[in-house]
C-alpha atoms as a PDB file:
ATOM      1  CA  MET A   1      94.208  49.654  86.853  1.00  0.00           C
ATOM      2  CA  ALA A   2      94.183  46.518  89.004  1.00  0.00           C
ATOM      3  CA  SER A   3      95.071  48.530  92.127  1.00  0.00           C
ATOM      4  CA  ASP A   4      92.156  50.819  91.321  1.00  0.00           C
ATOM      5  CA  HIS A   5      89.815  47.822  91.352  1.00  0.00           C
ATOM      6  CA  VAL A   6      91.259  46.566  94.644  1.00  0.00           C
ATOM      7  CA  ASN A   7      90.893  50.065  96.099  1.00  0.00           C
ATOM      8  CA  GLN A   8      87.227  50.193  95.098  1.00  0.00           C
ATOM      9  CA  THR A   9      86.402  46.716  96.390  1.00  0.00           C
ATOM     10  CA  MET A  10      88.041  47.341  99.786  1.00  0.00           C
ATOM     11  CA  ARG A  11      85.729  50.292 100.491  1.00  0.00           C
ATOM     12  CA  THR A  12      82.250  49.931 101.921  1.00  0.00           C
ATOM     13  CA  GLU A  13      79.225  50.807  99.827  1.00  0.00           C
ATOM     14  CA  MET A  14      78.465  53.752 102.094  1.00  0.00           C
ATOM     15  CA  SER A  15      81.964  55.203 101.673  1.00  0.00           C
ATOM     16  CA  ARG A  16      81.662  54.849  97.899  1.00  0.00           C
ATOM     17  CA  VAL A  17      78.279  56.604  97.935  1.00  0.00           C
ATOM     18  CA  LYS A  18      79.490  59.432 100.172  1.00  0.00           C
ATOM     19  CA  GLY A  19      82.786  59.729  98.254  1.00  0.00           C
ATOM     20  CA  LEU A  20      84.845  59.431 101.412  1.00  0.00           C
ATOM     21  CA  GLY A  21      88.441  58.294 101.297  1.00  0.00           C
ATOM     22  CA  ALA A  22      90.556  56.788 104.042  1.00  0.00           C
ATOM     23  CA  ALA A  23      90.599  59.988 106.117  1.00  0.00           C
ATOM     24  CA  LYS A  24      86.794  60.370 105.854  1.00  0.00           C
ATOM     25  CA  SER A  25      86.992  64.163 105.481  1.00  0.00           C
ATOM     26  CA  GLY A  26      89.153  64.998 102.475  1.00  0.00           C
ATOM     27  CA  THR A  27      86.281  65.908 100.180  1.00  0.00           C
ATOM     28  CA  GLU A  28      84.649  68.160 102.776  1.00  0.00           C
ATOM     29  CA  HIS A  29      87.977  69.888 103.482  1.00  0.00           C
ATOM     30  CA  PHE A  30      88.561  70.336  99.735  1.00  0.00           C
ATOM     31  CA  TRP A  31      85.152  71.956  99.202  1.00  0.00           C
ATOM     32  CA  GLN A  32      85.405  74.178 102.279  1.00  0.00           C
ATOM     33  CA  HIS A  33      88.725  75.486 101.038  1.00  0.00           C
ATOM     34  CA  ARG A  34      87.373  76.118  97.513  1.00  0.00           C
ATOM     35  CA  ILE A  35      84.167  77.782  98.722  1.00  0.00           C
ATOM     36  CA  THR A  36      86.028  80.132 101.069  1.00  0.00           C
ATOM     37  CA  ALA A  37      88.430  80.949  98.228  1.00  0.00           C
ATOM     38  CA  ILE A  38      85.490  81.916  96.014  1.00  0.00           C
ATOM     39  CA  ALA A  39      83.877  83.918  98.846  1.00  0.00           C
ATOM     40  CA  ASN A  40      87.160  85.716  99.498  1.00  0.00           C
ATOM     41  CA  ILE A  41      87.273  87.170  95.973  1.00  0.00           C
ATOM     42  CA  PRO A  42      84.397  89.665  96.332  1.00  0.00           C
ATOM     43  CA  LEU A  43      85.142  90.147 100.034  1.00  0.00           C
ATOM     44  CA  ALA A  44      88.786  91.027  99.321  1.00  0.00           C
ATOM     45  CA  ILE A  45      87.722  93.402  96.550  1.00  0.00           C
ATOM     46  CA  ALA A  46      85.300  95.088  98.974  1.00  0.00           C
ATOM     47  CA  PHE A  47      88.022  95.253 101.654  1.00  0.00           C
ATOM     48  CA  ILE A  48      90.512  96.824  99.242  1.00  0.00           C
ATOM     49  CA  ALA A  49      87.891  99.312  97.998  1.00  0.00           C
ATOM     50  CA  ILE A  50      87.040 100.304 101.571  1.00  0.00           C
ATOM     51  CA  VAL A  51      90.693 100.732 102.543  1.00  0.00           C
ATOM     52  CA  ILE A  52      91.412 102.808  99.412  1.00  0.00           C
ATOM     53  CA  SER A  53      88.348 104.984 100.058  1.00  0.00           C
ATOM     54  CA  LEU A  54      89.610 105.665 103.584  1.00  0.00           C
ATOM     55  CA  GLN A  55      93.082 106.711 102.429  1.00  0.00           C
ATOM     56  CA  GLY A  56      93.924 110.135 103.888  1.00  0.00           C
ATOM     57  CA  LYS A  57      90.685 110.422 105.880  1.00  0.00           C
ATOM     58  CA  SER A  58      90.552 111.542 109.488  1.00  0.00           C
ATOM     59  CA  ARG A  59      90.175 109.080 112.347  1.00  0.00           C
ATOM     60  CA  GLU A  60      86.570 110.167 112.839  1.00  0.00           C
ATOM     61  CA  ALA A  61      85.768 109.624 109.154  1.00  0.00           C
ATOM     62  CA  VAL A  62      87.327 106.147 109.249  1.00  0.00           C
ATOM     63  CA  LEU A  63      85.365 105.209 112.385  1.00  0.00           C
ATOM     64  CA  HIS A  64      82.166 106.588 110.869  1.00  0.00           C
ATOM     65  CA  THR A  65      82.662 104.532 107.672  1.00  0.00           C
ATOM     66  CA  LEU A  66      83.535 101.349 109.563  1.00  0.00           C
ATOM     67  CA  SER A  67      80.493 101.768 111.806  1.00  0.00           C
ATOM     68  CA  GLN A  68      78.117 101.650 108.827  1.00  0.00           C
ATOM     69  CA  PRO A  69      76.215  98.320 108.943  1.00  0.00           C
ATOM     70  CA  LEU A  70      77.053  97.170 105.397  1.00  0.00           C
ATOM     71  CA  VAL A  71      80.736  98.044 105.769  1.00  0.00           C
ATOM     72  CA  ALA A  72      80.961  96.392 109.198  1.00  0.00           C
ATOM     73  CA  ILE A  73      79.259  93.237 107.941  1.00  0.00           C
ATOM     74  CA  LEU A  74      81.539  93.042 104.872  1.00  0.00           C
ATOM     75  CA  MET A  75      84.601  93.468 107.089  1.00  0.00           C
ATOM     76  CA  LEU A  76      83.385  90.782 109.520  1.00  0.00           C
ATOM     77  CA  LEU A  77      82.686  88.375 106.651  1.00  0.00           C
ATOM     78  CA  PHE A  78      86.125  89.084 105.161  1.00  0.00           C
ATOM     79  CA  VAL A  79      87.862  88.419 108.482  1.00  0.00           C
ATOM     80  CA  CYS A  80      85.921  85.217 109.231  1.00  0.00           C
ATOM     81  CA  SER A  81      86.134  83.756 105.737  1.00  0.00           C
ATOM     82  CA  GLY A  82      89.771  84.758 105.313  1.00  0.00           C
ATOM     83  CA  LEU A  83      90.849  83.270 108.632  1.00  0.00           C
ATOM     84  CA  PHE A  84      88.916  80.052 108.052  1.00  0.00           C
ATOM     85  CA  HIS A  85      90.504  79.770 104.599  1.00  0.00           C
ATOM     86  CA  MET A  86      93.950  80.470 106.082  1.00  0.00           C
ATOM     87  CA  ARG A  87      93.493  77.825 108.777  1.00  0.00           C
ATOM     88  CA  LEU A  88      92.442  75.214 106.207  1.00  0.00           C
ATOM     89  CA  GLY A  89      95.375  76.035 103.941  1.00  0.00           C
ATOM     90  CA  MET A  90      97.907  75.928 106.768  1.00  0.00           C
ATOM     91  CA  GLN A  91      96.415  72.646 107.965  1.00  0.00           C
ATOM     92  CA  VAL A  92      97.142  71.072 104.574  1.00  0.00           C
ATOM     93  CA  ILE A  93     100.700  72.419 104.595  1.00  0.00           C
ATOM     94  CA  ILE A  94     101.295  71.146 108.131  1.00  0.00           C
ATOM     95  CA  GLU A  95      99.834  67.716 107.345  1.00  0.00           C
ATOM     96  CA  ASP A  96     101.956  67.420 104.193  1.00  0.00           C
ATOM     97  CA  TYR A  97     105.303  68.763 105.411  1.00  0.00           C
ATOM     98  CA  VAL A  98     105.534  68.234 109.175  1.00  0.00           C
ATOM     99  CA  HIS A  99     106.573  64.626 109.702  1.00  0.00           C
ATOM    100  CA  GLY A 100     106.873  64.057 113.445  1.00  0.00           C
ATOM    101  CA  GLU A 101     103.486  63.126 114.879  1.00  0.00           C
ATOM    102  CA  ALA A 102     103.866  65.166 118.096  1.00  0.00           C
ATOM    103  CA  THR A 103     105.184  68.174 116.171  1.00  0.00           C
ATOM    104  CA  LYS A 104     102.370  67.857 113.647  1.00  0.00           C
ATOM    105  CA  ILE A 105      99.695  67.782 116.359  1.00  0.00           C
ATOM    106  CA  ALA A 106     101.287  70.757 118.147  1.00  0.00           C
ATOM    107  CA  ALA A 107     101.450  72.717 114.883  1.00  0.00           C
ATOM    108  CA  LEU A 108      97.806  71.916 114.047  1.00  0.00           C
ATOM    109  CA  ILE A 109      96.708  73.039 117.511  1.00  0.00           C
ATOM    110  CA  ALA A 110      98.798  76.221 117.251  1.00  0.00           C
ATOM    111  CA  ASN A 111      97.323  76.893 113.798  1.00  0.00           C
ATOM    112  CA  THR A 112      93.776  76.639 115.137  1.00  0.00           C
ATOM    113  CA  PHE A 113      94.500  78.741 118.233  1.00  0.00           C
ATOM    114  CA  PHE A 114      96.221  81.400 116.102  1.00  0.00           C
ATOM    115  CA  ALA A 115      93.238  81.650 113.746  1.00  0.00           C
ATOM    116  CA  ILE A 116      90.823  81.864 116.684  1.00  0.00           C
ATOM    117  CA  LEU A 117      92.938  84.483 118.484  1.00  0.00           C
ATOM    118  CA  VAL A 118      93.275  86.731 115.426  1.00  0.00           C
ATOM    119  CA  GLY A 119      89.591  86.241 114.598  1.00  0.00           C
ATOM    120  CA  VAL A 120      88.401  87.152 118.089  1.00  0.00           C
ATOM    121  CA  MET A 121      90.600  90.258 118.155  1.00  0.00           C
ATOM    122  CA  CYS A 122      89.362  91.416 114.736  1.00  0.00           C
ATOM    123  CA  VAL A 123      85.707  90.710 115.510  1.00  0.00           C
ATOM    124  CA  TYR A 124      86.011  92.472 118.878  1.00  0.00           C
ATOM    125  CA  ALA A 125      87.560  95.559 117.262  1.00  0.00           C
ATOM    126  CA  LEU A 126      84.974  95.667 114.472  1.00  0.00           C
ATOM    127  CA  LEU A 127      82.071  95.226 116.897  1.00  0.00           C
ATOM    128  CA  ARG A 128      83.373  98.008 119.140  1.00  0.00           C
ATOM    129  CA  ILE A 129      83.647 100.303 116.143  1.00  0.00           C
ATOM    130  CA  GLY A 130      80.308  99.176 114.755  1.00  0.00           C
ATOM    131  CA  PHE A 131      78.461  99.827 117.977  1.00  0.00           C
ATOM    132  CA  GLY A 132      80.213 103.139 118.538  1.00  0.00           C
ATOM    133  CA  ALA A 133      82.180 102.153 121.622  1.00  0.00           C
ATOM    134  CA  ILE A 134      85.357 103.733 120.237  1.00  0.00           C
END
C-alpha cells in the first residue's frame, strides 16, 4: 500500500490524468490490441464464410466473388486489422521474452517489416482482383 502511494506521488498530474505509466504508451497499446481483437471477430467470421462459399468453385467464380465491392472491402479490413493485431501481439511477446537489447530491437523491426510486407502483398493481390486486373 505504501509503495502504491509513493508510485502515485512520483507521477506528474498530467500523467495521472492521462493514465500513462512509465512507458507512456501502455494504455494505448492495450486498447489498440483489444479493439482489433473485437473487430477481428466479425471480420474472421466473414472471411470464413466467404472461403467456405468458394469451396469447389471455379477460378473465374472465385475471382468474380472476390471482385465484388463488399467482399473486397471485408477482405481488406480483415487483412489490415488482423496484421495490425498480430504485430501488436508479437511486439508484446518480443518485449517480454527477448532480453538482449540489440536482439529485441532487431526482432521488433523484423516484426514490423514482416507485417508491412505481408500486408502490402495481400492488399496488392486484393486490389488487382477487385479492379479486374487478374
